[in-house]
Every structure is written in C-alpha cells, then in structure tokens.
Protein backbone atom coordinates (compact mmCIF):
# COMPACT_ATOMS: atom_id res chain seq x y z
CA MET A 1 0.00 0.00 0.00
CA ALA A 2 1.24 3.53 -0.77
CA VAL A 3 0.59 6.77 1.11
CA VAL A 4 1.43 9.84 -0.98
CA GLY A 5 2.45 12.76 1.20
CA GLY A 6 4.36 12.91 4.47
CA GLY A 7 2.62 15.81 6.20
CA GLN A 8 0.34 15.51 9.21
CA ALA A 9 -2.27 13.58 7.21
CA GLY A 10 0.13 11.07 5.69
CA LEU A 11 1.94 10.49 8.97
CA SER A 12 -1.35 10.09 10.84
CA VAL A 13 -2.68 7.40 8.53
CA SER A 14 0.73 5.67 8.58
CA TYR A 15 0.50 5.41 12.37
CA CYS A 16 -3.03 4.00 12.13
CA LEU A 17 -2.11 1.54 9.37
CA ARG A 18 0.83 0.28 11.41
CA GLU A 19 -1.45 -0.23 14.41
CA ARG A 20 -3.57 -2.52 12.25
CA GLY A 21 -0.64 -4.42 10.82
CA ILE A 22 -1.06 -3.10 7.28
CA GLU A 23 2.25 -2.84 5.44
CA HIS A 24 2.74 0.38 3.49
CA VAL A 25 5.21 3.03 2.44
CA VAL A 26 4.89 6.81 2.86
CA ILE A 27 6.30 8.81 -0.06
CA GLU A 28 7.20 12.45 0.63
CA ALA A 29 8.39 14.74 -2.17
CA ASN A 30 10.63 16.79 0.11
CA GLN A 31 11.31 16.38 3.83
CA VAL A 32 8.79 16.21 6.63
CA GLY A 33 7.84 19.76 7.58
CA HIS A 34 8.95 21.23 4.25
CA GLU A 35 5.59 22.86 3.46
CA TRP A 36 5.51 24.64 6.81
CA ARG A 37 8.97 26.10 6.26
CA ALA A 38 8.68 26.81 2.54
CA ARG A 39 5.26 28.49 2.53
CA ARG A 40 5.06 30.27 5.89
CA TRP A 41 6.53 33.58 6.91
CA ASP A 42 9.04 34.07 9.74
CA SER A 43 6.51 35.15 12.39
CA PHE A 44 3.91 32.53 11.43
CA CYS A 45 2.15 30.67 14.22
CA LEU A 46 -0.89 28.45 14.59
CA VAL A 47 -4.26 30.14 15.09
CA THR A 48 -5.52 27.15 17.08
CA PRO A 49 -4.23 26.41 20.61
CA ASN A 50 -1.52 23.81 21.09
CA TRP A 51 -3.87 21.45 22.91
CA GLN A 52 -5.63 20.90 19.62
CA CYS A 53 -2.51 19.21 18.22
CA LYS A 54 -3.65 15.60 18.52
CA LEU A 55 -1.77 13.44 16.04
CA PRO A 56 -2.50 9.72 16.66
CA GLY A 57 -0.56 8.48 19.67
CA TYR A 58 1.22 11.81 19.99
CA PRO A 59 -0.81 14.67 21.48
CA TYR A 60 0.91 17.94 22.31
CA ARG A 61 3.44 17.32 25.09
CA GLY A 62 4.79 20.81 25.72
CA ASP A 63 4.27 23.08 28.70
CA ASP A 64 2.07 25.67 26.96
CA PRO A 65 -1.15 23.94 25.91
CA ASP A 66 -3.03 27.24 25.60
CA GLY A 67 -0.26 28.83 23.53
CA PHE A 68 0.27 28.79 19.78
CA MET A 69 3.22 27.00 18.20
CA VAL A 70 5.38 29.12 15.91
CA ARG A 71 6.56 27.85 12.55
CA ASP A 72 9.76 26.14 13.70
CA GLU A 73 7.98 24.48 16.63
CA ILE A 74 5.40 23.03 14.23
CA ILE A 75 8.18 21.55 12.11
CA GLU A 76 9.83 20.13 15.23
CA TYR A 77 6.51 18.62 16.36
CA LEU A 78 6.19 16.76 13.04
CA ARG A 79 9.77 15.56 13.04
CA ASP A 80 9.48 14.41 16.64
CA TYR A 81 6.40 12.47 15.57
CA VAL A 82 8.46 10.70 12.91
CA ALA A 83 11.12 9.85 15.49
CA PHE A 84 8.39 8.64 17.87
CA PHE A 85 6.96 5.86 15.69
CA GLN A 86 9.44 5.67 12.80
CA PRO A 87 7.08 5.26 9.87
CA PRO A 88 8.17 3.51 6.64
CA LEU A 89 8.99 6.91 5.14
CA VAL A 90 10.80 7.68 1.90
CA GLU A 91 11.72 11.37 1.53
CA GLY A 92 12.84 13.27 -1.55
CA VAL A 93 10.73 11.26 -4.01
CA SER A 94 7.91 12.93 -5.97
CA VAL A 95 4.91 11.01 -7.26
CA THR A 96 4.24 12.35 -10.76
CA GLY A 97 1.53 9.98 -11.97
CA LEU A 98 -1.16 7.67 -10.64
CA ARG A 99 -3.30 5.43 -12.79
CA ARG A 100 -5.25 2.21 -12.37
CA SER A 101 -4.56 -0.75 -14.62
CA PRO A 102 -7.37 -2.94 -16.01
CA ASN A 103 -6.67 -5.56 -13.34
CA GLY A 104 -7.23 -3.05 -10.54
CA VAL A 105 -3.61 -2.44 -9.56
CA PHE A 106 -2.46 1.15 -9.12
CA GLU A 107 0.58 2.22 -11.08
CA LEU A 108 2.61 5.08 -9.63
CA SER A 109 5.24 7.04 -11.52
CA THR A 110 7.83 8.71 -9.32
CA SER A 111 10.99 10.76 -9.66
CA ASP A 112 12.88 7.57 -8.79
CA GLY A 113 11.11 5.02 -10.94
CA ASP A 114 7.73 3.29 -11.20
CA PHE A 115 6.02 0.81 -8.92
CA THR A 116 2.60 -0.67 -8.23
CA ALA A 117 0.37 -0.74 -5.19
CA ASP A 118 -2.89 -2.46 -4.36
CA GLN A 119 -4.21 0.59 -2.50
CA VAL A 120 -3.27 4.28 -2.36
CA VAL A 121 -4.00 7.09 0.11
CA VAL A 122 -3.53 10.56 -1.36
CA ALA A 123 -2.51 12.77 1.58
CA THR A 124 -1.13 15.80 -0.24
CA GLY A 125 -3.62 18.31 1.16
CA PRO A 126 -5.56 20.90 -0.87
CA TYR A 127 -3.01 23.71 -1.19
CA HIS A 128 -0.94 22.85 -4.22
CA THR A 129 -0.52 25.81 -6.58
CA PRO A 130 -0.41 29.48 -5.51
CA SER A 131 -3.41 31.23 -7.01
CA ILE A 132 -2.87 34.72 -8.41
CA PRO A 133 -5.58 36.45 -10.49
CA ARG A 134 -4.82 37.18 -14.13
CA LEU A 135 -5.23 40.91 -13.58
CA ALA A 136 -1.85 40.79 -11.76
CA GLU A 137 -0.31 40.73 -15.23
CA ARG A 138 -1.41 44.35 -15.66
CA LEU A 139 0.75 45.69 -12.84
CA PRO A 140 3.69 47.86 -13.95
CA ALA A 141 6.99 46.02 -14.23
CA GLY A 142 8.54 48.21 -11.55
CA VAL A 143 6.16 46.96 -8.85
CA GLU A 144 7.39 43.80 -7.13
CA GLN A 145 4.67 41.25 -6.59
CA ILE A 146 4.73 37.95 -4.70
CA HIS A 147 2.23 35.37 -3.53
CA SER A 148 1.71 35.10 0.22
CA SER A 149 3.49 31.71 0.16
CA ARG A 150 6.72 33.56 -0.74
CA TYR A 151 6.44 36.29 1.87
CA ARG A 152 8.95 35.92 4.72
CA ASN A 153 9.27 39.27 6.51
CA PRO A 154 8.96 43.02 5.88
CA GLY A 155 12.66 43.32 5.11
CA GLY A 156 12.25 41.00 2.13
CA LEU A 157 10.19 43.61 0.29
CA PRO A 158 11.53 46.81 -1.25
CA GLU A 159 11.27 50.08 0.66
CA GLY A 160 7.92 51.80 0.30
CA GLY A 161 4.26 51.05 0.76
CA VAL A 162 2.81 47.56 0.39
CA LEU A 163 -0.56 46.52 -1.00
CA VAL A 164 -1.92 43.26 0.44
CA VAL A 165 -4.74 41.73 -1.57
CA GLY A 166 -7.03 39.38 0.35
CA THR A 167 -8.16 39.11 3.95
CA GLY A 168 -8.16 35.41 4.70
CA GLN A 169 -5.96 34.24 7.54
CA SER A 170 -2.72 34.75 5.60
CA GLY A 171 -3.63 38.16 4.22
CA CYS A 172 -4.69 39.56 7.58
CA GLN A 173 -1.67 38.20 9.43
CA ILE A 174 0.78 39.40 6.77
CA ALA A 175 -0.87 42.83 6.79
CA GLU A 176 -0.45 42.89 10.57
CA ASP A 177 3.18 41.79 10.31
CA LEU A 178 3.92 44.63 7.91
CA HIS A 179 1.88 47.12 9.91
CA LEU A 180 3.71 46.31 13.16
CA SER A 181 7.04 46.81 11.40
CA GLY A 182 6.07 50.38 10.55
CA ARG A 183 5.37 49.85 6.86
CA GLN A 184 2.53 51.75 5.20
CA VAL A 185 0.05 49.01 4.38
CA HIS A 186 -2.84 49.18 1.94
CA LEU A 187 -5.29 46.28 2.30
CA ALA A 188 -7.91 45.13 -0.20
CA VAL A 189 -10.60 43.66 2.05
CA GLY A 190 -12.59 40.64 0.89
CA GLY A 191 -15.51 38.77 2.38
CA ALA A 192 -13.68 36.55 4.90
CA PRO A 193 -15.31 36.30 8.33
CA ARG A 194 -13.55 36.88 11.62
CA VAL A 195 -13.72 35.42 15.12
CA SER A 196 -12.68 36.86 18.46
CA ARG A 197 -9.70 35.25 20.13
CA PHE A 198 -11.12 35.28 23.65
CA TYR A 199 -14.59 35.73 25.07
CA ARG A 200 -15.95 35.44 28.59
CA GLY A 201 -12.76 34.15 30.10
CA ARG A 202 -11.73 31.52 27.52
CA ASP A 203 -10.36 31.15 24.03
CA CYS A 204 -13.28 30.98 21.62
CA VAL A 205 -11.80 27.77 20.24
CA ALA A 206 -12.17 26.17 23.69
CA TRP A 207 -15.82 27.23 23.90
CA LEU A 208 -16.58 25.97 20.39
CA ASP A 209 -14.81 22.68 21.06
CA GLU A 210 -16.88 22.19 24.22
CA MET A 211 -20.01 22.96 22.20
CA GLY A 212 -19.19 20.19 19.71
CA HIS A 213 -18.66 22.60 16.84
CA TYR A 214 -15.48 20.99 15.57
CA ALA A 215 -16.93 17.48 15.58
CA LYS A 216 -19.97 18.46 13.51
CA ASP A 217 -20.45 16.13 10.55
CA ILE A 218 -20.30 17.74 7.10
CA GLY A 219 -23.43 15.73 6.31
CA GLU A 220 -25.38 17.89 8.76
CA PHE A 221 -25.08 20.84 6.38
CA ASP A 222 -27.54 21.30 3.54
CA ASP A 223 -24.85 23.05 1.48
CA ALA A 224 -21.93 20.70 2.11
CA GLY A 225 -20.21 21.65 -1.14
CA ALA A 226 -20.28 25.34 -0.26
CA VAL A 227 -19.14 24.67 3.31
CA ARG A 228 -16.02 22.91 2.02
CA MET A 229 -15.12 26.00 0.02
CA ARG A 230 -15.60 28.56 2.79
CA VAL A 231 -12.77 30.88 3.76
CA ASN A 232 -11.46 30.44 7.30
CA HIS A 233 -12.16 33.03 10.00
CA TYR A 234 -9.28 35.39 10.58
CA VAL A 235 -7.66 35.66 14.02
CA THR A 236 -4.10 35.24 15.27
CA GLY A 237 -2.10 33.34 17.86
CA ARG A 238 0.70 35.89 17.74
CA ASP A 239 2.07 37.07 21.11
CA GLY A 240 -0.23 34.73 23.03
CA GLY A 241 -3.23 35.30 20.79
CA ARG A 242 -5.45 38.26 20.00
CA ASP A 243 -8.13 39.51 17.65
CA ILE A 244 -7.31 40.78 14.21
CA ASP A 245 -9.38 43.94 14.01
CA LEU A 246 -9.06 45.58 10.61
CA ARG A 247 -10.91 48.61 11.91
CA ALA A 248 -8.22 49.12 14.56
CA PHE A 249 -5.55 48.83 11.88
CA ALA A 250 -7.34 51.53 9.88
CA ARG A 251 -7.62 53.75 12.93
CA ASP A 252 -3.86 53.39 13.37
CA GLY A 253 -2.95 54.25 9.79
CA MET A 254 -3.55 51.22 7.57
CA ARG A 255 -5.49 52.09 4.39
CA LEU A 256 -8.48 49.83 3.69
CA TYR A 257 -10.29 49.31 0.38
CA GLY A 258 -12.96 47.01 -0.99
CA ARG A 259 -12.22 44.07 -3.27
CA LEU A 260 -9.71 44.73 -6.04
CA THR A 261 -11.59 44.71 -9.33
CA GLY A 262 -9.28 46.23 -11.93
CA ILE A 263 -5.78 47.40 -12.81
CA ASP A 264 -4.88 49.94 -15.47
CA GLY A 265 -1.19 50.76 -15.28
CA THR A 266 -0.55 52.27 -11.87
CA ARG A 267 -4.28 52.89 -11.29
CA LEU A 268 -6.20 50.32 -9.28
CA GLU A 269 -9.98 50.03 -8.97
CA PHE A 270 -11.91 48.63 -5.99
CA ALA A 271 -15.48 47.54 -5.41
CA ASP A 272 -17.77 49.65 -3.25
CA ASP A 273 -18.04 46.94 -0.58
CA LEU A 274 -15.56 47.85 2.17
CA LYS A 275 -18.20 48.73 4.75
CA VAL A 276 -20.29 45.69 3.86
CA ASN A 277 -17.31 43.35 4.23
CA LEU A 278 -16.27 44.83 7.57
CA ASP A 279 -19.83 44.70 8.91
CA ARG A 280 -20.32 41.09 7.82
CA ALA A 281 -17.05 39.98 9.40
CA ASP A 282 -18.07 41.64 12.67
CA ALA A 283 -21.54 40.07 12.47
CA VAL A 284 -20.01 36.59 12.22
CA ALA A 285 -17.80 37.24 15.24
CA GLU A 286 -20.75 38.53 17.25
CA GLY A 287 -22.91 35.60 16.13
CA ILE A 288 -20.31 33.21 17.53
CA LYS A 289 -20.50 35.10 20.81
CA ASP A 290 -24.29 34.72 20.75
CA ALA A 291 -23.87 30.95 20.45
CA ILE A 292 -21.36 30.92 23.33
CA ASP A 293 -23.73 32.98 25.49
CA ALA A 294 -26.54 30.51 24.79
CA HIS A 295 -24.28 27.56 25.67
CA ILE A 296 -23.20 29.18 28.94
CA ALA A 297 -26.80 29.87 29.89
CA ALA A 298 -28.06 26.41 28.92
CA GLN A 299 -25.32 24.62 30.86
CA GLY A 300 -25.39 26.92 33.86
CA ILE A 301 -21.69 27.69 33.50
CA GLU A 302 -20.14 30.37 35.64
CA ALA A 303 -18.28 32.70 33.32
CA PRO A 304 -17.39 36.39 33.60
CA ASP A 305 -19.56 38.85 31.73
CA GLU A 306 -17.94 40.71 28.87
CA ALA A 307 -19.00 43.78 26.98
CA ARG A 308 -19.65 43.29 23.30
CA TYR A 309 -17.46 44.65 20.55
CA VAL A 310 -17.94 48.28 19.54
CA PRO A 311 -16.46 49.27 16.15
CA VAL A 312 -13.46 51.54 16.65
CA TRP A 313 -13.49 52.92 13.10
CA GLU A 314 -15.95 53.42 10.28
CA PRO A 315 -15.03 54.24 6.69
CA SER A 316 -15.99 57.84 6.02
CA GLU A 317 -15.76 57.10 2.32
CA GLN A 318 -15.28 54.04 0.16
CA PRO A 319 -12.17 54.69 -1.96
CA GLY A 320 -12.78 53.34 -5.42
CA GLU A 321 -9.34 54.05 -6.87
CA LEU A 322 -5.69 54.05 -5.85
CA ASP A 323 -2.66 55.23 -7.78
CA LEU A 324 0.33 53.07 -6.88
CA ALA A 325 2.90 55.67 -7.83
CA ALA A 326 1.21 58.52 -5.96
CA ALA A 327 0.80 56.35 -2.86
CA GLY A 328 4.43 55.20 -2.97
CA ILE A 329 3.47 51.52 -3.23
CA THR A 330 6.41 49.43 -4.44
CA SER A 331 5.16 45.90 -3.80
CA VAL A 332 2.02 43.78 -3.81
CA VAL A 333 1.40 40.62 -1.76
CA TRP A 334 -1.27 38.40 -3.30
CA SER A 335 -2.99 36.62 -0.41
CA THR A 336 -5.42 34.97 -2.76
CA GLY A 337 -5.14 31.34 -1.75
CA PHE A 338 -4.20 28.18 -3.58
CA ALA A 339 -5.62 25.97 -6.30
CA ARG A 340 -5.79 22.20 -6.19
CA ASP A 341 -3.64 20.36 -8.71
CA HIS A 342 -4.52 16.69 -9.08
CA ARG A 343 -3.56 16.43 -12.73
CA TRP A 344 -1.11 13.69 -11.86
CA ILE A 345 -4.03 11.47 -10.80
CA GLU A 346 -5.42 9.77 -13.90
CA VAL A 347 -8.38 8.16 -12.16
CA PRO A 348 -11.94 9.50 -12.70
CA VAL A 349 -12.84 10.45 -9.12
CA PHE A 350 -13.24 14.24 -9.45
CA ASP A 351 -16.29 16.44 -9.84
CA GLY A 352 -16.64 19.33 -12.27
CA ARG A 353 -14.69 21.65 -9.96
CA GLY A 354 -11.80 19.21 -9.63
CA TYR A 355 -12.77 18.21 -6.09
CA PRO A 356 -12.32 14.52 -5.18
CA MET A 357 -15.67 12.78 -4.82
CA HIS A 358 -15.54 10.67 -1.68
CA TRP A 359 -17.31 9.48 1.43
CA ARG A 360 -15.10 10.18 4.44
CA GLY A 361 -12.07 9.80 2.18
CA ALA A 362 -13.13 6.64 0.31
CA THR A 363 -13.69 7.20 -3.42
CA SER A 364 -15.83 5.25 -5.87
CA THR A 365 -12.64 3.63 -7.18
CA PRO A 366 -11.87 0.67 -4.88
CA GLY A 367 -8.55 1.12 -3.15
CA LEU A 368 -8.16 4.88 -3.74
CA TYR A 369 -8.53 7.18 -0.75
CA PHE A 370 -7.98 10.82 0.20
CA LEU A 371 -7.02 12.23 3.58
CA GLY A 372 -6.45 15.73 4.95
CA LEU A 373 -8.98 17.62 2.83
CA PRO A 374 -10.72 20.62 4.40
CA TRP A 375 -14.04 19.48 5.84
CA GLN A 376 -13.38 15.92 4.67
CA PHE A 377 -15.71 14.95 7.50
CA SER A 378 -15.54 17.74 10.09
CA TRP A 379 -14.00 21.18 10.64
CA GLY A 380 -10.69 19.73 11.78
CA SER A 381 -10.22 17.21 8.99
CA GLY A 382 -7.30 19.02 7.39
CA ARG A 383 -5.77 20.14 10.68
CA PHE A 384 -3.93 18.78 13.67
CA GLU A 385 -7.18 18.75 15.65
CA ALA A 386 -9.05 15.99 13.82
CA VAL A 387 -6.91 14.57 11.04
CA GLY A 388 -6.10 11.68 13.39
CA ARG A 389 -9.78 10.78 13.76
CA ASP A 390 -10.19 10.74 10.00
CA ALA A 391 -7.02 8.67 9.65
CA ALA A 392 -8.28 6.09 12.16
CA PHE A 393 -11.62 5.84 10.35
CA LEU A 394 -9.91 5.42 6.98
CA ALA A 395 -7.49 2.82 8.36
CA ASP A 396 -10.44 0.83 9.76
CA HIS A 397 -12.17 1.04 6.39
CA ILE A 398 -9.02 -0.10 4.58
CA ASP A 399 -8.49 -2.94 7.05
CA ALA A 400 -12.09 -4.13 6.65
CA SER A 401 -11.83 -3.96 2.85
CA ARG A 402 -8.65 -6.00 2.85
CA ARG A 403 -10.12 -8.62 5.15
CA LEU A 404 -13.16 -8.90 2.91
CA ALA A 405 -10.92 -9.21 -0.15
CA ASP A 406 -8.93 -11.99 1.53
CA VAL A 407 -12.12 -13.86 2.27
CA CYS A 408 -13.39 -13.43 -1.27
CA GLY A 409 -10.05 -14.30 -2.77
CA THR A 410 -9.99 -11.23 -5.01
CA LEU A 411 -6.89 -9.52 -3.69
CA THR A 412 -4.05 -9.49 -6.20
CA GLY A 413 -0.43 -9.08 -5.21
CA SER A 414 1.16 -9.06 -1.78
CA PRO A 415 1.27 -5.92 0.37
CA SER A 416 4.55 -7.16 1.87
CA GLU A 417 6.21 -6.55 -1.50
CA LEU A 418 5.32 -2.87 -1.56
CA ALA A 419 8.02 -1.43 0.68
CA SER A 420 10.74 -3.15 -1.31
CA ALA A 421 9.09 -2.43 -4.67
CA LEU A 422 10.05 1.23 -4.65
CA PRO A 423 13.46 1.44 -6.40
CA ILE A 424 15.31 3.58 -3.85
CA GLY A 425 19.06 3.37 -3.25
C-alpha cells in the first residue's frame, strides 16, 4: 500500500495503518515539515491552541497547551512524531503519476522510478498551486509582486508602501506583520469572516470545542459543497493570541479598500463593498459570541460577563481608486489562496470543480482514498485537531476492505512486497 504525502495527514494514517498491521510506504516529495517552512513567513504561528494538536498516539506534550506554536515548533513537532513511531517513510521522491490498470492495480510514476500498489492514500492536502488572479499581469513592471506563500518578513520587500490583496488568515496576518514593522500598508478587504480570540474568560476555540462545533459532521449541512469552500475566520495566535481587528488597523494608519476589481497601469480600482465586508465579518464574530452565550446559559456555566465589541473605526468614504505611484506603493502581496492540482491522478474520481468525490475519504474507485482535505468529515479534517480521527476511520475502512478481499479471494499481489518495490538506493 502507498501513502502519498508525508505531512500531518500522511503520517497520521501511517500510524493508524501500522497499528492494524497493514504494510505500506509513505512517499514524501521533500522532507517532513517542508511545506511549513517553505510556505510560511518568519513570524507565522498556529491560530488554534496547542492542545488541539492531537496526532494519533502523539498529542501535544509541551508546557504551553493554551499557547500557539510558531513555525519552527510546528516543524519540530512533526519531526518528533516521525522519530516517535518511525514510519516507513521515503523522503525526496515525488509522485508524478497515478493510474489504475485494467486488473485493478495502481501504477505510480515517481521521480525515482515506477512501482505498483494495491491501494493508495492521497494525503497531499488541498493547497498545491499558488493562485494569483490574471489581472496581476497588468501591474507595472517596476512593482514587485509575490504570492503570500513567498512572503517571509517586511525586510524582504523593497522600501515603500505595500498593498496586500485578500483578507483570509494569511492576508490579515501578513498585513499585521507589515503594519507592526512600521510599513505603510494598503489592504484590499474581501468577504472573509472573523472570530474573536477570547470571550468570557476563555479562548473561543475552547468554547466551540466544548459545544461540539469541531466534531460536527459535514453531512449535517444542507450546502456541504459550499461549506467545504468557505474561507477560514481570521484571528491570530501571535504574542499569546489576540483579535485581528481591521478597523483598529485603519484607525492606526492602515489604508483599507474594498475588493480589487481592476488594474490599469498604476491605477487600481476597488469595489464599493468595504463597509459591507467589515460589517459582515463583525456580524459573524458577534454571532459566535451569541452561540457561546446561549451555551453558557443552557449549561449553567459560571463565566465572567464581557461587553460586546464596539467598532473603533468606520469608513468615512469608500475609496474606489488608488494610484500606486502617488501612494508610494512598491510591492504587492497576493494573499489569494491556492488551487488544487490533481492532474497527476489519472483516475476519474473528481467532480466538475476538480474536487475529489468521496465518502469520508473513500472514493468510488476501490482502493483509492484521500485524507487531509478541508471538511473531509468535520471542521478539523485538514488540521492537527481531527486529522487523526479521520485517519483512524480510513485505516479501519481499509483494514475491513482487505479482510473482505482476503475472504473473497480477489486480492491481487502481496502488500509485503510494496516497501521493497520502490526502487530507492
């Protein structure tokens, strides 16, 4: 059996497969932790508390469960996990093709040769290719532009103002990083929601976990497809955790705009939706507080009262244009997310949007599975919080399928040959 990807999802399912005595190999294109180092900035930290790091058999063991691991600590956590259970891991080998032969065996092409497997778990996550809108091509050549995955620190950008496009978690945190360094930041605000860091004496994540929010089944939503595509709430774990309040940034000198809609030389155009986007983000945060209040009341929990949020800034106008040259903007950071790239998988298991069709990770093609997708089953499916639960479920499903195949006599090939089948060394 082959597991493609050695991040938290691939390592989690490897642990669960080993527990069930299923022989397999984990194939990682780089080194464990590479994605965290290569695509995160210097001050990056988790937005979820450390206690939510629950990889199978290896929950967080540090002395700051309510803190937020920084980038290098996350990498160390993953590498310590590898040392803990020593998975059958092959690093530095890229899988470039996956197809299924007529007899049901999967054929994998890799950077170090080809091999076959009776079953495959694709654990490469959803964030494959940096997504930058085509209108970026219209920016003047003298303006440096990078995707958020290439941002490291304020000193890595040329002197002058910076335009950050997008207000998901990365965009808001990068804008804050630049703002705290003293740079003049211009921020194109999208429709991402926000959440408060703390409320009534606890981290909001702790309240929501207690309320069962993170264990909610995707099947409970009428619009499951839309839920899987939602942008995450913005908040930060920086300096012990705090809100990201774009209004406070604006009050302190950051320039806010609506969504970027056009570029004509140095002139940029924005939608007239800044106030709407700010109001909606606040409404989501306050709605979460409403739910927490109701939970506290229903359970009779003693918790300190807390005054509700009062906006500290309102846009007096909605700027529809910005001239880069006049504003002294020398660089643009595109915090516009990632696109999935499963072109290397030549098996018909995708819908019209390129999303893998599955039930809790099991596809309609026998033996092909996915793990670590956002909302694969619950909120935490792609994260440290719940990827282990999904991995255990998938490993049980795989184990049951193999036992059934043994009984029926339909299994071809021997799993014990897989680890030695990969032509390494």
